[in-house]
Each structure stands twice: as C-alpha cells, then as structure tokens.
N, C-alpha and C. Protein backbone atom coordinates (compact mmCIF):
# COMPACT_ATOMS: atom_id res chain seq x y z
N MET A 1 -15.60 -7.47 -3.58
CA MET A 1 -15.12 -7.50 -4.94
C MET A 1 -13.61 -7.18 -4.99
N LEU A 2 -13.15 -6.26 -4.16
CA LEU A 2 -11.74 -5.89 -4.18
C LEU A 2 -10.89 -6.70 -3.23
N ALA A 3 -11.47 -7.65 -2.53
CA ALA A 3 -10.71 -8.42 -1.56
C ALA A 3 -9.58 -9.21 -2.21
N LYS A 4 -9.78 -9.73 -3.41
CA LYS A 4 -8.76 -10.52 -4.10
C LYS A 4 -8.06 -9.73 -5.20
N ALA A 5 -8.37 -8.45 -5.35
CA ALA A 5 -7.78 -7.64 -6.41
C ALA A 5 -6.33 -7.31 -6.08
N PRO A 6 -5.48 -7.22 -7.10
CA PRO A 6 -4.08 -6.84 -6.84
C PRO A 6 -3.98 -5.36 -6.46
N GLY A 7 -2.85 -4.98 -5.88
CA GLY A 7 -2.64 -3.61 -5.45
C GLY A 7 -2.75 -2.60 -6.57
N VAL A 8 -2.37 -3.01 -7.78
CA VAL A 8 -2.44 -2.10 -8.92
C VAL A 8 -3.90 -1.74 -9.23
N ALA A 9 -4.77 -2.71 -9.20
CA ALA A 9 -6.18 -2.45 -9.49
C ALA A 9 -6.82 -1.57 -8.42
N ILE A 10 -6.52 -1.87 -7.17
CA ILE A 10 -7.08 -1.07 -6.08
C ILE A 10 -6.53 0.36 -6.14
N GLY A 11 -5.23 0.50 -6.34
CA GLY A 11 -4.62 1.83 -6.42
C GLY A 11 -5.13 2.65 -7.59
N THR A 12 -5.36 1.99 -8.72
CA THR A 12 -5.91 2.68 -9.87
C THR A 12 -7.31 3.21 -9.58
N MET A 13 -8.13 2.38 -8.95
CA MET A 13 -9.48 2.81 -8.61
C MET A 13 -9.45 3.99 -7.63
N VAL A 14 -8.59 3.90 -6.61
CA VAL A 14 -8.48 4.99 -5.63
C VAL A 14 -8.01 6.27 -6.31
N GLY A 15 -7.01 6.16 -7.18
CA GLY A 15 -6.50 7.33 -7.88
C GLY A 15 -7.51 7.97 -8.80
N MET A 16 -8.30 7.15 -9.49
CA MET A 16 -9.32 7.69 -10.38
C MET A 16 -10.42 8.38 -9.59
N LYS A 17 -10.80 7.81 -8.46
CA LYS A 17 -11.82 8.44 -7.62
C LYS A 17 -11.31 9.75 -7.04
N ALA A 18 -10.03 9.78 -6.67
CA ALA A 18 -9.46 11.00 -6.09
C ALA A 18 -9.37 12.12 -7.12
N ALA A 19 -9.12 11.78 -8.37
CA ALA A 19 -8.98 12.79 -9.42
C ALA A 19 -10.32 13.37 -9.83
N GLY A 20 -11.37 12.60 -9.68
CA GLY A 20 -12.69 13.10 -10.08
C GLY A 20 -12.78 13.24 -11.59
N ASP A 21 -13.22 14.39 -12.05
CA ASP A 21 -13.38 14.63 -13.48
C ASP A 21 -12.16 15.27 -14.13
N THR A 22 -11.11 15.51 -13.38
CA THR A 22 -9.91 16.16 -13.90
C THR A 22 -8.95 15.11 -14.43
N SER A 23 -8.92 14.97 -15.74
CA SER A 23 -8.10 13.91 -16.33
C SER A 23 -6.60 14.15 -16.15
N MET A 24 -6.15 15.40 -16.16
CA MET A 24 -4.72 15.68 -15.97
C MET A 24 -4.27 15.33 -14.56
N LEU A 25 -5.16 15.44 -13.60
CA LEU A 25 -4.82 15.11 -12.22
C LEU A 25 -4.59 13.60 -12.05
N MET A 26 -5.18 12.82 -12.94
CA MET A 26 -5.00 11.36 -12.89
C MET A 26 -3.54 10.97 -13.12
N LEU A 27 -2.77 11.82 -13.82
CA LEU A 27 -1.36 11.53 -14.04
C LEU A 27 -0.59 11.49 -12.72
N LEU A 28 -1.12 12.13 -11.71
CA LEU A 28 -0.48 12.13 -10.39
C LEU A 28 -1.17 11.18 -9.43
N THR A 29 -2.50 11.17 -9.42
CA THR A 29 -3.22 10.40 -8.41
C THR A 29 -3.21 8.90 -8.65
N VAL A 30 -3.25 8.46 -9.89
CA VAL A 30 -3.27 7.01 -10.16
C VAL A 30 -1.95 6.35 -9.75
N PRO A 31 -0.79 6.87 -10.18
CA PRO A 31 0.46 6.23 -9.71
C PRO A 31 0.63 6.30 -8.20
N THR A 32 0.22 7.42 -7.61
CA THR A 32 0.31 7.55 -6.15
C THR A 32 -0.58 6.53 -5.47
N GLY A 33 -1.79 6.35 -5.98
CA GLY A 33 -2.70 5.36 -5.41
C GLY A 33 -2.15 3.95 -5.52
N ILE A 34 -1.51 3.65 -6.64
CA ILE A 34 -0.93 2.33 -6.84
C ILE A 34 0.19 2.08 -5.83
N VAL A 35 1.07 3.06 -5.67
CA VAL A 35 2.20 2.90 -4.73
C VAL A 35 1.69 2.75 -3.31
N VAL A 36 0.74 3.59 -2.90
CA VAL A 36 0.24 3.55 -1.53
C VAL A 36 -0.48 2.24 -1.25
N CYS A 37 -1.35 1.82 -2.14
CA CYS A 37 -2.12 0.59 -1.91
C CYS A 37 -1.22 -0.65 -1.96
N SER A 38 -0.30 -0.69 -2.90
CA SER A 38 0.60 -1.83 -2.99
C SER A 38 1.51 -1.91 -1.76
N SER A 39 1.96 -0.76 -1.27
CA SER A 39 2.79 -0.74 -0.07
C SER A 39 2.02 -1.23 1.14
N ALA A 40 0.78 -0.78 1.26
CA ALA A 40 -0.04 -1.20 2.40
C ALA A 40 -0.29 -2.70 2.37
N ILE A 41 -0.52 -3.26 1.20
CA ILE A 41 -0.73 -4.70 1.08
C ILE A 41 0.54 -5.45 1.46
N GLY A 42 1.70 -4.95 0.99
CA GLY A 42 2.97 -5.60 1.31
C GLY A 42 3.29 -5.57 2.80
N VAL A 43 3.04 -4.45 3.44
CA VAL A 43 3.29 -4.34 4.87
C VAL A 43 2.35 -5.24 5.66
N SER A 44 1.10 -5.32 5.25
CA SER A 44 0.16 -6.19 5.98
C SER A 44 0.56 -7.66 5.85
N LYS A 45 1.04 -8.06 4.69
CA LYS A 45 1.50 -9.44 4.52
C LYS A 45 2.74 -9.71 5.38
N ALA A 46 3.63 -8.72 5.45
CA ALA A 46 4.83 -8.88 6.27
C ALA A 46 4.48 -8.96 7.75
N LEU A 47 3.50 -8.19 8.17
CA LEU A 47 3.06 -8.25 9.56
C LEU A 47 2.46 -9.61 9.90
N GLU A 48 1.76 -10.19 8.94
CA GLU A 48 1.21 -11.54 9.16
C GLU A 48 2.32 -12.57 9.33
N LYS A 49 3.45 -12.35 8.68
CA LYS A 49 4.55 -13.31 8.74
C LYS A 49 5.50 -13.06 9.90
N GLY A 50 5.24 -12.03 10.71
CA GLY A 50 6.06 -11.82 11.90
C GLY A 50 6.96 -10.60 11.87
N LEU A 51 6.71 -9.67 11.01
CA LEU A 51 7.53 -8.47 10.95
C LEU A 51 7.48 -7.70 12.26
N ASN A 52 6.34 -7.67 12.89
CA ASN A 52 6.21 -6.91 14.14
C ASN A 52 7.14 -7.44 15.23
N LYS A 53 7.34 -8.75 15.29
CA LYS A 53 8.26 -9.32 16.29
C LYS A 53 9.70 -8.95 15.98
N ALA A 54 10.07 -8.95 14.71
CA ALA A 54 11.42 -8.56 14.33
C ALA A 54 11.68 -7.10 14.64
N VAL A 55 10.69 -6.26 14.40
CA VAL A 55 10.85 -4.83 14.70
C VAL A 55 10.97 -4.62 16.20
N GLU A 56 10.20 -5.35 16.99
CA GLU A 56 10.29 -5.25 18.45
C GLU A 56 11.68 -5.64 18.93
N LYS A 57 12.27 -6.70 18.35
CA LYS A 57 13.62 -7.12 18.73
C LYS A 57 14.65 -6.05 18.39
N ILE A 58 14.48 -5.42 17.22
CA ILE A 58 15.42 -4.37 16.83
C ILE A 58 15.31 -3.19 17.77
N ILE A 59 14.09 -2.82 18.12
CA ILE A 59 13.89 -1.68 19.02
C ILE A 59 14.47 -1.97 20.40
N LYS A 60 14.31 -3.19 20.86
CA LYS A 60 14.84 -3.56 22.18
C LYS A 60 16.35 -3.73 22.16
N GLY A 61 16.94 -3.85 20.97
CA GLY A 61 18.38 -3.94 20.85
C GLY A 61 18.93 -5.37 20.87
N THR A 62 18.08 -6.38 20.78
CA THR A 62 18.57 -7.75 20.84
C THR A 62 19.08 -8.24 19.49
N LEU A 63 18.70 -7.62 18.39
CA LEU A 63 19.19 -8.05 17.09
C LEU A 63 20.43 -7.28 16.65
N LEU A 64 20.75 -6.24 17.35
CA LEU A 64 21.90 -5.42 16.94
C LEU A 64 23.12 -6.17 17.24
C-alpha cells in the first residue's frame, strides 16, 4: 500500500505512530518523519541513477 505513496504520506504515518497517543508530541514527530522518509527516498533514487559511482570517484580523488 505504501510502495507508491509519497514521502510526506509515509513520514506522516511514521510520525503519528511514533507519537502514540500524545498529540503534542506529534508537533515534533510528524515533521521529523516527513524529513527522514523524504530524504531516504531521495537518496535511494540518486543511488539508482549512479550517485554511488560519483561518490567513489570523489573519494578516490579523480573528480577533484
């Protein structure tokens, strides 16, 4: 069900589950969940496009 969901929806769900029954805690956990999940999705897409090879070149010093 969440495979095609955007990062905002996944992060909101994670944040709400982390807060439990404490509604004031949701003010912190929902935005944090959104940032973390959206970042993870963005990094995974970048890795699919070849980010890992670019990072390896930078580490080896060939792109400097």
